[in-house]
Amino acid sequence: MTILKDILYKVSLVSTTGDMEVEVKNIVFDSRKVEEGSLFVAIPGTQVDGHDFIDKAVDTGARVIVCERLPENKSPKITWVQVKKASQALGVMASNFYDNPSHSIKVVAVTGTNGKTTTVTLLHQLFTSMGYSTGLLSTVENRINEEILPATHTTPDAVSVQALLRKMVDAGCTHCFMEASSHAIVQERIAGLKLIGSVFTNISHDHLDYHETFEEYIKAKKKLFDDLPKDAFALVNGDDKRGAVMLQNCKATPQTFALKSPADFKAKVLSNTLEGLELDINGKPVWFRLIGDFNAYNLLGVLGVAVLLGEDEDEVMQVLSGIRGAKGRFDRISIGGVTAIVDYAHTPDALENVLKTINGVRTGGEQLITVVGCGGNRDKSKRPIMAKLAVQESDKAILTSDNPRFEEPEAILQDMQAGVGPSDLRKTLTIVDRKEAIKTACMLSQVGDIILIAGKGHEDYQEIKGVKYHFDDAEVVSEFLNQLTKK
């Protein structure tokens, strides 16, 4: 078989025209990346349609065009491949092009509204600590063993996923733990992957700007489990009512983890402090560095994955107890007697979890000052909800900018302010400039107080009108707290 025929293996073909013996140099779906000998896949998208760039791809040197709709005037010099679904074909072809790397490494995908990054990061740290060569694909970063590669999306595009997996396999990695966002699942970025298991953390309202309805959002998550093979495992949060939905019609082995209901992996929270979390797991008390009930679920999910992959439960708990977690997820910074917590919480559910966790460990007397914003060009329905949560669960709340993107920050803040009731206005400030908002929180704080800065977590930029400016919440709050300490 030729390279092209190998690449097209398992793709849902409609028709082919032209030289099937042509040499293919690479696979691209962005016409700007086409070079001589490329195979260009025209994908219909939400913003642009790849079919509109076929002529450009041909002029730039593409020798094979894969598309859903053939143009009226097809160049006889080009090999034309018509498929039923181009996005799915891209993933399958990319896998074949890179010699199906997921068949040579154990890949576990984690999906859910919250907890994806923490779960895959903990799994990567756990398996690395246990002596395995391990890869990571996450919102914060991609890793091949200890090599760090920048992450631009929660889940990379289909070609990048396969290219990274090939590098992992070539580097000797035995495991890869990856986030699977709802966007990535719907857009078939994980098509062509052979998964040994998938994890469902939880689900709450998010990304409705893309999925439009909560039902479509749930269906997107469920697709990951519907596509699992029989020899895989499907591990879901049994305390989330959508967990059972994920398992419906799933061919993989069903498994559950929970704190409140019967489950295959179950725990009880014994204590919660700002220093850590103690769980009872199978009658054994285990202390962890992470904080909060939401992290108890993340830890249980990690334990479940490890055991399902054949690891010893006691050894897993011992190693896991010393691991810190992902950057920007409940990061604590203590300076001058004030504790600042930087967290990625950018959904109502995540923000509520963090706020309740902090309130659950407060000893009394100290203030909780919350700085929070909402991203532009994203789901507007969550803005008043997040503001209401921040105000009601804090002693003082400062509403500010997050990543306004192409929206006016003032308009986003108006949406947020709609969630603040008249009785809560007295403890609410609105400051458009995020740096000024953090500075104000620091100036309002006293020894013993807690400042929560929510929404951006690990991000080291602020996106305004298409430009990313350097901005790191942890750096900014540390700078101001240090200034106040020196006075």
Protein backbone atom coordinates (compact mmCIF):
# COMPACT_ATOMS: atom_id res chain seq x y z
CA MET A 1 0.00 0.00 0.00
CA THR A 2 1.16 3.55 -0.65
CA ILE A 3 1.55 6.15 2.08
CA LEU A 4 -1.65 7.86 0.97
CA LYS A 5 -3.65 4.65 1.13
CA ASP A 6 -2.19 3.96 4.56
CA ILE A 7 -3.25 7.40 5.73
CA LEU A 8 -6.77 6.92 4.41
CA TYR A 9 -7.19 3.62 6.26
CA LYS A 10 -10.49 3.57 8.24
CA VAL A 11 -11.63 6.94 6.85
CA SER A 12 -15.29 7.09 5.74
CA LEU A 13 -14.68 7.64 2.03
CA VAL A 14 -17.30 8.88 -0.42
CA SER A 15 -15.09 9.02 -3.52
CA THR A 16 -11.51 9.39 -4.72
CA THR A 17 -10.17 10.94 -7.92
CA GLY A 18 -6.60 11.18 -9.14
CA ASP A 19 -3.23 9.60 -8.38
CA MET A 20 -3.47 7.46 -5.25
CA GLU A 21 0.28 6.79 -5.46
CA VAL A 22 1.17 10.45 -4.81
CA GLU A 23 3.64 11.10 -2.01
CA VAL A 24 2.25 12.94 1.01
CA LYS A 25 4.70 15.10 2.96
CA ASN A 26 2.43 16.24 5.81
CA ILE A 27 -1.20 16.72 6.86
CA VAL A 28 -2.57 20.22 7.47
CA PHE A 29 -6.01 21.79 7.95
CA ASP A 30 -4.81 25.41 7.96
CA SER A 31 -4.18 26.67 4.42
CA ARG A 32 -1.47 28.99 5.76
CA LYS A 33 0.61 25.95 6.71
CA VAL A 34 0.42 24.25 3.31
CA GLU A 35 3.72 23.53 1.58
CA GLU A 36 4.78 21.56 -1.45
CA GLY A 37 3.44 18.01 -1.11
CA SER A 38 0.91 18.69 1.66
CA LEU A 39 -2.37 16.90 2.18
CA PHE A 40 -4.92 19.62 2.98
CA VAL A 41 -8.11 18.78 4.88
CA ALA A 42 -10.96 21.26 4.37
CA ILE A 43 -12.97 21.37 7.59
CA PRO A 44 -16.27 23.28 7.96
CA GLY A 45 -15.90 25.39 11.12
CA THR A 46 -17.99 27.71 13.26
CA GLN A 47 -16.06 30.79 12.12
CA VAL A 48 -14.59 29.83 8.73
CA ASP A 49 -15.06 26.99 6.24
CA GLY A 50 -11.92 25.23 5.05
CA HIS A 51 -13.60 24.60 1.70
CA ASP A 52 -13.23 28.33 0.97
CA PHE A 53 -9.44 27.93 1.08
CA ILE A 54 -9.04 24.93 -1.23
CA ASP A 55 -7.84 27.07 -4.17
CA LYS A 56 -5.28 28.77 -1.94
CA ALA A 57 -4.05 25.38 -0.69
CA VAL A 58 -3.67 24.09 -4.26
CA ASP A 59 -1.80 27.23 -5.33
CA THR A 60 0.55 26.90 -2.35
CA GLY A 61 1.52 23.32 -3.18
CA ALA A 62 -1.06 20.91 -1.78
CA ARG A 63 -1.15 17.69 -3.79
CA VAL A 64 -4.07 16.00 -2.04
CA ILE A 65 -7.33 17.67 -0.98
CA VAL A 66 -9.63 15.93 1.51
CA CYS A 67 -13.05 17.55 1.73
CA GLU A 68 -16.77 16.98 2.26
CA ARG A 69 -17.83 18.94 -0.83
CA LEU A 70 -15.92 18.69 -4.09
CA PRO A 71 -15.46 21.94 -6.02
CA GLU A 72 -17.08 22.25 -9.43
CA ASN A 73 -13.77 22.76 -11.22
CA LYS A 74 -11.34 20.15 -9.91
CA SER A 75 -7.76 20.38 -11.10
CA PRO A 76 -6.74 17.06 -12.73
CA LYS A 77 -3.27 17.47 -11.22
CA ILE A 78 -4.67 17.10 -7.70
CA THR A 79 -5.77 13.94 -5.89
CA TRP A 80 -9.27 14.54 -4.56
CA VAL A 81 -10.68 12.62 -1.62
CA GLN A 82 -14.29 13.17 -0.58
CA VAL A 83 -15.27 12.04 2.93
CA LYS A 84 -18.43 12.07 5.04
CA LYS A 85 -16.93 14.06 7.95
CA ALA A 86 -13.67 15.90 7.39
CA SER A 87 -12.96 16.64 11.07
CA GLN A 88 -13.19 12.96 11.96
CA ALA A 89 -11.14 11.99 8.90
CA LEU A 90 -8.42 14.42 9.98
CA GLY A 91 -7.99 12.68 13.35
CA VAL A 92 -7.94 9.19 11.85
CA MET A 93 -5.52 10.22 9.09
CA ALA A 94 -3.23 12.01 11.55
CA SER A 95 -3.14 8.88 13.71
CA ASN A 96 -2.26 6.74 10.70
CA PHE A 97 0.31 9.27 9.46
CA TYR A 98 2.15 9.09 12.81
CA ASP A 99 1.89 5.29 12.85
CA ASN A 100 -0.94 5.11 15.41
CA PRO A 101 1.03 6.11 18.52
CA SER A 102 -1.92 5.60 20.91
CA HIS A 103 -1.65 1.85 20.23
CA SER A 104 1.80 1.90 21.86
CA ILE A 105 1.01 3.98 24.97
CA LYS A 106 -1.76 3.85 27.59
CA VAL A 107 -3.87 6.98 27.03
CA VAL A 108 -6.43 8.10 29.62
CA ALA A 109 -8.74 11.04 28.79
CA VAL A 110 -10.40 13.15 31.49
CA THR A 111 -13.48 15.26 30.82
CA GLY A 112 -15.84 17.36 32.95
CA THR A 113 -16.54 21.02 33.68
CA ASN A 114 -14.11 21.26 36.61
CA GLY A 115 -11.19 19.18 37.82
CA LYS A 116 -9.75 18.08 34.47
CA THR A 117 -6.42 19.87 34.84
CA THR A 118 -5.90 18.86 38.47
CA THR A 119 -6.77 15.23 37.72
CA VAL A 120 -4.41 14.79 34.75
CA THR A 121 -1.64 16.74 36.50
CA LEU A 122 -1.93 14.56 39.61
CA LEU A 123 -1.88 11.44 37.42
CA HIS A 124 1.23 12.64 35.59
CA GLN A 125 3.00 13.46 38.87
CA LEU A 126 1.87 10.20 40.46
CA PHE A 127 3.03 7.92 37.67
CA THR A 128 6.27 9.86 37.23
CA SER A 129 6.95 9.51 40.97
CA MET A 130 6.25 5.78 40.69
CA GLY A 131 8.99 5.43 38.09
CA TYR A 132 7.02 5.51 34.84
CA SER A 133 7.91 7.53 31.76
CA THR A 134 4.80 9.69 31.37
CA GLY A 135 3.22 12.26 29.05
CA LEU A 136 0.71 15.02 29.82
CA LEU A 137 -1.69 17.05 27.68
CA SER A 138 -3.35 19.77 29.76
CA THR A 139 -4.65 23.33 29.85
CA VAL A 140 -1.56 24.49 31.76
CA GLU A 141 1.15 22.66 29.83
CA ASN A 142 2.06 19.62 27.78
CA ARG A 143 4.84 17.36 29.06
CA ILE A 144 6.95 14.56 27.72
CA ASN A 145 8.55 13.24 30.90
CA GLU A 146 10.10 16.42 32.35
CA GLU A 147 10.21 18.33 29.05
CA ILE A 148 7.62 21.12 29.14
CA LEU A 149 5.87 22.17 25.95
CA PRO A 150 3.56 25.23 25.94
CA ALA A 151 -0.18 24.54 25.77
CA THR A 152 -2.42 26.75 23.63
CA HIS A 153 -5.68 24.81 24.07
CA THR A 154 -7.14 22.49 26.71
CA THR A 155 -6.91 19.76 24.06
CA PRO A 156 -4.60 20.35 21.05
CA ASP A 157 -5.81 19.97 17.47
CA ALA A 158 -6.00 16.44 16.02
CA VAL A 159 -2.68 16.61 14.17
CA SER A 160 -0.84 18.06 17.18
CA VAL A 161 -2.32 15.39 19.49
CA GLN A 162 -0.97 12.61 17.30
CA ALA A 163 2.40 14.33 16.78
CA LEU A 164 2.81 14.78 20.55
CA LEU A 165 1.83 11.18 21.22
CA ARG A 166 4.39 10.02 18.66
CA LYS A 167 7.08 12.05 20.47
CA MET A 168 5.98 10.50 23.77
CA VAL A 169 6.20 6.97 22.37
CA ASP A 170 9.61 7.70 20.82
CA ALA A 171 10.77 9.07 24.21
CA GLY A 172 9.76 5.81 25.89
CA CYS A 173 6.57 7.01 27.59
CA THR A 174 4.26 4.23 28.76
CA HIS A 175 1.34 6.45 29.85
CA CYS A 176 -0.30 9.68 28.71
CA PHE A 177 -2.93 11.57 30.69
CA MET A 178 -4.90 14.14 28.74
CA GLU A 179 -7.76 16.58 29.16
CA ALA A 180 -10.64 16.18 26.74
CA SER A 181 -12.65 19.39 26.50
CA SER A 182 -16.20 19.40 25.16
CA HIS A 183 -15.02 21.50 22.21
CA ALA A 184 -12.34 18.94 21.40
CA ILE A 185 -14.76 16.02 21.58
CA VAL A 186 -17.33 17.67 19.29
CA GLN A 187 -14.63 18.85 16.89
CA GLU A 188 -13.20 15.30 16.67
CA ARG A 189 -9.75 16.38 17.88
CA ILE A 190 -9.43 13.01 19.61
CA ALA A 191 -10.67 10.97 16.64
CA GLY A 192 -8.26 8.17 15.87
CA LEU A 193 -7.14 7.80 19.48
CA LYS A 194 -7.17 4.42 21.20
CA LEU A 195 -8.08 5.13 24.82
CA ILE A 196 -7.52 2.68 27.66
CA GLY A 197 -9.94 4.65 29.82
CA SER A 198 -11.88 7.86 30.36
CA VAL A 199 -12.83 9.80 33.49
CA PHE A 200 -15.86 12.04 34.09
CA THR A 201 -15.32 14.53 36.94
CA ASN A 202 -18.57 16.55 37.02
CA ILE A 203 -20.71 18.84 34.90
CA SER A 204 -22.24 22.27 35.39
CA HIS A 205 -23.22 25.15 33.12
CA ASP A 206 -20.30 26.29 30.94
CA HIS A 207 -19.45 26.92 27.29
CA LEU A 208 -23.10 27.56 26.40
CA ASP A 209 -21.79 30.21 24.01
CA TYR A 210 -20.54 27.28 21.92
CA HIS A 211 -22.93 24.39 22.68
CA GLU A 212 -25.99 26.70 23.00
CA THR A 213 -27.90 24.37 25.34
CA PHE A 214 -26.95 22.42 28.46
CA GLU A 215 -28.27 19.24 26.81
CA GLU A 216 -25.83 19.66 23.89
CA TYR A 217 -23.01 20.25 26.37
CA ILE A 218 -23.87 16.99 28.16
CA LYS A 219 -24.04 15.13 24.83
CA ALA A 220 -20.56 16.41 23.98
CA LYS A 221 -19.13 14.93 27.17
CA LYS A 222 -21.06 11.70 26.73
CA LYS A 223 -19.62 11.15 23.24
CA LEU A 224 -16.23 10.45 24.81
CA PHE A 225 -17.74 7.48 26.67
CA ASP A 226 -19.93 6.31 23.80
CA ASP A 227 -16.82 5.89 21.66
CA LEU A 228 -14.81 3.87 24.20
CA PRO A 229 -13.89 0.29 23.19
CA LYS A 230 -14.91 -2.77 25.21
CA ASP A 231 -11.44 -3.28 26.68
CA ALA A 232 -11.34 0.23 28.20
CA PHE A 233 -12.68 1.49 31.54
CA ALA A 234 -15.21 4.29 32.10
CA LEU A 235 -14.71 5.92 35.51
CA VAL A 236 -17.36 8.46 36.54
CA ASN A 237 -18.27 10.61 39.54
CA GLY A 238 -21.13 8.70 41.15
CA ASP A 239 -22.24 11.75 43.16
CA ASP A 240 -22.93 13.72 39.97
CA LYS A 241 -26.29 12.69 38.53
CA ARG A 242 -24.85 13.01 35.02
CA GLY A 243 -22.31 10.28 35.84
CA ALA A 244 -24.93 7.61 35.18
CA VAL A 245 -25.79 9.33 31.89
CA MET A 246 -22.18 8.98 30.75
CA LEU A 247 -22.38 5.22 31.30
CA GLN A 248 -25.56 4.70 29.30
CA ASN A 249 -24.85 2.60 26.18
CA CYS A 250 -21.14 2.65 27.05
CA LYS A 251 -19.31 -0.52 25.97
CA ALA A 252 -16.39 -0.02 28.38
CA THR A 253 -16.19 -1.41 31.93
CA PRO A 254 -18.19 0.94 34.21
CA GLN A 255 -16.56 2.19 37.43
CA THR A 256 -17.55 4.92 39.92
CA PHE A 257 -15.99 7.10 42.62
CA ALA A 258 -17.92 9.05 45.26
CA LEU A 259 -17.96 10.67 48.67
CA LYS A 260 -21.70 10.39 49.35
CA SER A 261 -23.09 7.40 47.45
CA PRO A 262 -22.04 3.74 47.05
CA ALA A 263 -19.14 3.46 44.62
CA ASP A 264 -16.20 1.33 43.52
CA PHE A 265 -13.82 3.95 44.94
CA LYS A 266 -15.20 5.69 48.01
CA ALA A 267 -13.84 8.05 50.66
CA LYS A 268 -14.96 10.16 53.60
CA VAL A 269 -13.60 13.61 54.42
CA LEU A 270 -12.16 13.57 57.95
CA SER A 271 -10.76 17.12 58.04
CA ASN A 272 -10.18 20.18 55.85
CA THR A 273 -7.68 22.95 56.64
CA LEU A 274 -5.67 25.48 54.65
CA GLU A 275 -2.74 23.11 55.09
CA GLY A 276 -4.37 20.03 53.59
CA LEU A 277 -7.09 17.42 53.49
CA GLU A 278 -7.52 14.13 55.41
CA LEU A 279 -9.59 11.34 53.88
CA ASP A 280 -10.73 7.97 55.11
CA ILE A 281 -10.22 5.52 52.24
CA ASN A 282 -11.24 1.94 52.95
CA GLY A 283 -10.83 2.52 56.68
CA LYS A 284 -7.38 4.07 56.28
CA PRO A 285 -6.81 7.75 57.16
CA VAL A 286 -4.68 9.44 54.48
CA TRP A 287 -3.49 13.06 54.50
CA PHE A 288 -3.09 15.03 51.25
CA ARG A 289 -1.61 18.42 50.44
CA LEU A 290 -4.66 19.47 48.42
CA ILE A 291 -7.62 21.27 49.98
CA GLY A 292 -11.41 21.03 49.75
CA ASP A 293 -14.13 18.51 48.95
CA PHE A 294 -13.71 19.18 45.22
CA ASN A 295 -10.12 17.98 45.50
CA ALA A 296 -11.28 14.93 47.44
CA TYR A 297 -13.17 13.97 44.27
CA ASN A 298 -10.11 14.67 42.12
CA LEU A 299 -7.94 12.51 44.38
CA LEU A 300 -10.47 9.68 44.31
CA GLY A 301 -10.60 9.82 40.53
CA VAL A 302 -6.80 9.62 40.36
CA LEU A 303 -6.75 6.70 42.79
CA GLY A 304 -9.38 4.91 40.71
CA VAL A 305 -7.43 5.37 37.46
CA ALA A 306 -4.20 4.13 39.03
CA VAL A 307 -5.83 1.01 40.47
CA LEU A 308 -7.65 0.30 37.19
CA LEU A 309 -4.27 0.54 35.46
CA GLY A 310 -2.96 -2.18 37.75
CA GLU A 311 -1.19 -0.21 40.48
CA ASP A 312 -1.20 -1.16 44.18
CA GLU A 313 -3.74 0.92 46.11
CA ASP A 314 -1.62 1.40 49.25
CA GLU A 315 1.43 2.49 47.25
CA VAL A 316 -0.69 4.90 45.21
CA MET A 317 -2.13 6.54 48.35
CA GLN A 318 1.33 6.87 49.89
CA VAL A 319 2.82 8.57 46.83
CA LEU A 320 -0.29 10.67 46.16
CA SER A 321 -0.23 12.10 49.68
CA GLY A 322 2.97 14.01 48.89
CA ILE A 323 1.87 15.56 45.58
CA ARG A 324 0.90 19.24 45.34
CA GLY A 325 -1.35 19.48 42.28
CA ALA A 326 -1.63 21.79 39.27
CA LYS A 327 -0.42 25.37 39.00
CA GLY A 328 -3.14 27.96 39.47
CA ARG A 329 -5.46 25.57 41.26
CA PHE A 330 -5.86 26.80 44.86
CA ASP A 331 -2.30 28.17 44.91
CA ARG A 332 -1.60 29.66 48.34
CA ILE A 333 0.68 32.67 48.82
CA SER A 334 1.30 33.83 52.42
CA ILE A 335 3.02 37.21 52.87
CA GLY A 336 2.90 39.48 55.92
CA GLY A 337 0.24 37.41 57.63
CA VAL A 338 -2.17 37.61 54.69
CA THR A 339 -3.04 34.50 52.68
CA ALA A 340 -3.75 34.96 48.96
CA ILE A 341 -5.31 32.12 47.01
CA VAL A 342 -5.05 32.14 43.21
CA ASP A 343 -7.48 29.82 41.48
CA TYR A 344 -8.65 29.17 37.92
CA ALA A 345 -12.31 29.07 39.03
CA HIS A 346 -14.09 30.57 36.02
CA THR A 347 -17.45 28.80 36.26
CA PRO A 348 -20.15 29.26 38.92
CA ASP A 349 -19.67 25.71 40.20
CA ALA A 350 -15.89 26.04 40.49
CA LEU A 351 -16.15 29.44 42.19
CA GLU A 352 -18.73 28.14 44.65
CA ASN A 353 -16.51 25.15 45.49
CA VAL A 354 -13.50 27.35 46.19
CA LEU A 355 -15.48 29.88 48.24
CA LYS A 356 -17.16 27.18 50.34
CA THR A 357 -13.83 25.45 50.89
CA ILE A 358 -12.26 28.67 52.16
CA ASN A 359 -15.25 29.42 54.37
CA GLY A 360 -15.12 25.87 55.69
CA VAL A 361 -11.57 26.29 56.99
CA ARG A 362 -11.83 29.84 58.30
CA THR A 363 -11.24 29.98 62.04
CA GLY A 364 -13.30 33.11 62.63
CA GLY A 365 -12.59 36.81 62.63
CA GLU A 366 -10.60 36.97 59.39
CA GLN A 367 -12.02 38.61 56.29
CA LEU A 368 -12.46 36.90 52.93
CA ILE A 369 -11.91 39.38 50.10
CA THR A 370 -12.72 38.01 46.64
CA VAL A 371 -11.49 39.44 43.34
CA VAL A 372 -13.34 37.98 40.35
CA GLY A 373 -14.13 38.72 36.71
CA CYS A 374 -15.69 36.98 33.71
CA GLY A 375 -14.21 36.41 30.28
CA GLY A 376 -15.39 38.27 27.21
CA ASN A 377 -16.93 36.58 24.16
CA ARG A 378 -17.97 33.64 26.33
CA ASP A 379 -21.15 32.40 28.02
CA LYS A 380 -22.88 35.53 29.33
CA SER A 381 -25.44 33.66 31.44
CA LYS A 382 -22.89 32.81 34.13
CA ARG A 383 -21.79 36.42 34.77
CA PRO A 384 -24.52 37.52 37.24
CA ILE A 385 -24.36 34.11 38.92
CA MET A 386 -20.62 34.38 39.56
CA ALA A 387 -20.95 37.92 40.90
CA LYS A 388 -23.78 36.86 43.23
CA LEU A 389 -21.71 33.94 44.56
CA ALA A 390 -18.64 36.09 45.13
CA VAL A 391 -20.60 38.74 47.00
CA GLN A 392 -22.71 36.41 49.14
CA GLU A 393 -19.84 34.11 50.14
CA SER A 394 -17.29 36.89 50.87
CA ASP A 395 -16.92 39.75 53.32
CA LYS A 396 -15.91 42.00 50.45
CA ALA A 397 -16.05 41.38 46.70
CA ILE A 398 -14.27 43.26 43.94
CA LEU A 399 -15.67 42.75 40.45
CA THR A 400 -13.06 43.32 37.75
CA SER A 401 -11.81 42.34 34.29
CA ASP A 402 -10.72 38.83 33.38
CA ASN A 403 -9.86 38.35 29.69
CA PRO A 404 -12.25 40.84 28.03
CA ARG A 405 -11.11 39.73 24.58
CA PHE A 406 -13.16 41.74 22.07
CA GLU A 407 -15.86 42.86 24.51
CA GLU A 408 -15.80 46.11 26.44
CA PRO A 409 -14.88 45.37 30.09
CA GLU A 410 -17.51 47.79 31.33
CA ALA A 411 -20.24 45.84 29.50
CA ILE A 412 -19.08 42.56 31.07
CA LEU A 413 -19.11 44.16 34.52
CA GLN A 414 -22.63 45.47 33.95
CA ASP A 415 -23.72 41.88 33.28
CA MET A 416 -22.04 40.79 36.52
CA GLN A 417 -23.52 43.63 38.58
CA ALA A 418 -27.01 42.44 37.65
CA GLY A 419 -26.45 39.53 40.04
CA VAL A 420 -25.70 41.75 43.05
CA GLY A 421 -28.72 42.43 45.26
CA PRO A 422 -29.35 45.86 46.87
CA SER A 423 -28.39 44.58 50.34
CA ASP A 424 -24.98 43.45 49.07
CA LEU A 425 -23.97 46.65 47.27
CA ARG A 426 -22.27 48.01 50.38
CA LYS A 427 -19.64 45.25 50.33
CA THR A 428 -19.11 45.28 46.57
CA LEU A 429 -16.58 47.29 44.56
CA THR A 430 -16.30 47.43 40.79
CA ILE A 431 -12.81 48.21 39.46
CA VAL A 432 -12.25 47.72 35.72
CA ASP A 433 -8.45 47.46 35.87
CA ARG A 434 -7.52 44.00 37.22
CA LYS A 435 -4.17 45.11 38.64
CA GLU A 436 -5.83 47.97 40.49
CA ALA A 437 -8.50 45.57 41.78
CA ILE A 438 -5.86 43.23 43.23
CA LYS A 439 -3.98 46.17 44.71
CA THR A 440 -7.21 47.39 46.38
CA ALA A 441 -7.86 43.91 47.82
CA CYS A 442 -4.36 43.92 49.33
CA MET A 443 -4.85 47.41 50.80
CA LEU A 444 -8.18 46.37 52.34
CA SER A 445 -6.63 43.26 53.93
CA GLN A 446 -5.34 42.91 57.47
CA VAL A 447 -3.21 40.28 59.18
CA GLY A 448 -5.03 36.94 59.11
CA ASP A 449 -7.26 37.83 56.16
CA ILE A 450 -7.70 35.72 53.02
CA ILE A 451 -7.74 37.13 49.49
CA LEU A 452 -9.18 34.96 46.72
CA ILE A 453 -8.23 35.93 43.17
CA ALA A 454 -10.38 33.84 40.85
CA GLY A 455 -10.74 33.24 37.15
CA LYS A 456 -7.27 33.12 35.60
CA GLY A 457 -5.21 30.77 37.76
CA HIS A 458 -2.17 29.57 35.79
CA GLU A 459 -2.65 32.09 32.95
CA ASP A 460 0.22 34.57 32.64
CA TYR A 461 -1.55 36.96 30.28
CA GLN A 462 -4.61 39.15 29.88
CA GLU A 463 -6.25 39.10 26.45
CA ILE A 464 -7.56 42.49 25.26
CA LYS A 465 -8.68 43.23 21.69
CA GLY A 466 -6.78 40.25 20.28
CA VAL A 467 -3.52 41.06 22.09
CA LYS A 468 -2.15 39.05 25.02
CA TYR A 469 -0.43 41.25 27.61
CA HIS A 470 1.68 39.71 30.38
CA PHE A 471 -0.38 39.42 33.54
CA ASP A 472 0.10 36.88 36.31
CA ASP A 473 -2.28 37.04 39.28
CA ALA A 474 0.25 35.37 41.59
CA GLU A 475 2.99 37.85 40.61
CA VAL A 476 0.72 40.86 41.04
CA VAL A 477 -0.67 39.92 44.46
CA SER A 478 2.82 38.97 45.71
CA GLU A 479 4.17 42.35 44.57
CA PHE A 480 1.52 44.35 46.42
CA LEU A 481 1.59 42.24 49.59
CA ASN A 482 5.39 42.60 49.73
CA GLN A 483 5.06 46.38 49.31
CA LEU A 484 2.60 46.56 52.19
CA THR A 485 4.80 44.37 54.39
CA LYS A 486 7.77 46.73 53.91
CA LYS A 487 5.80 49.80 55.01
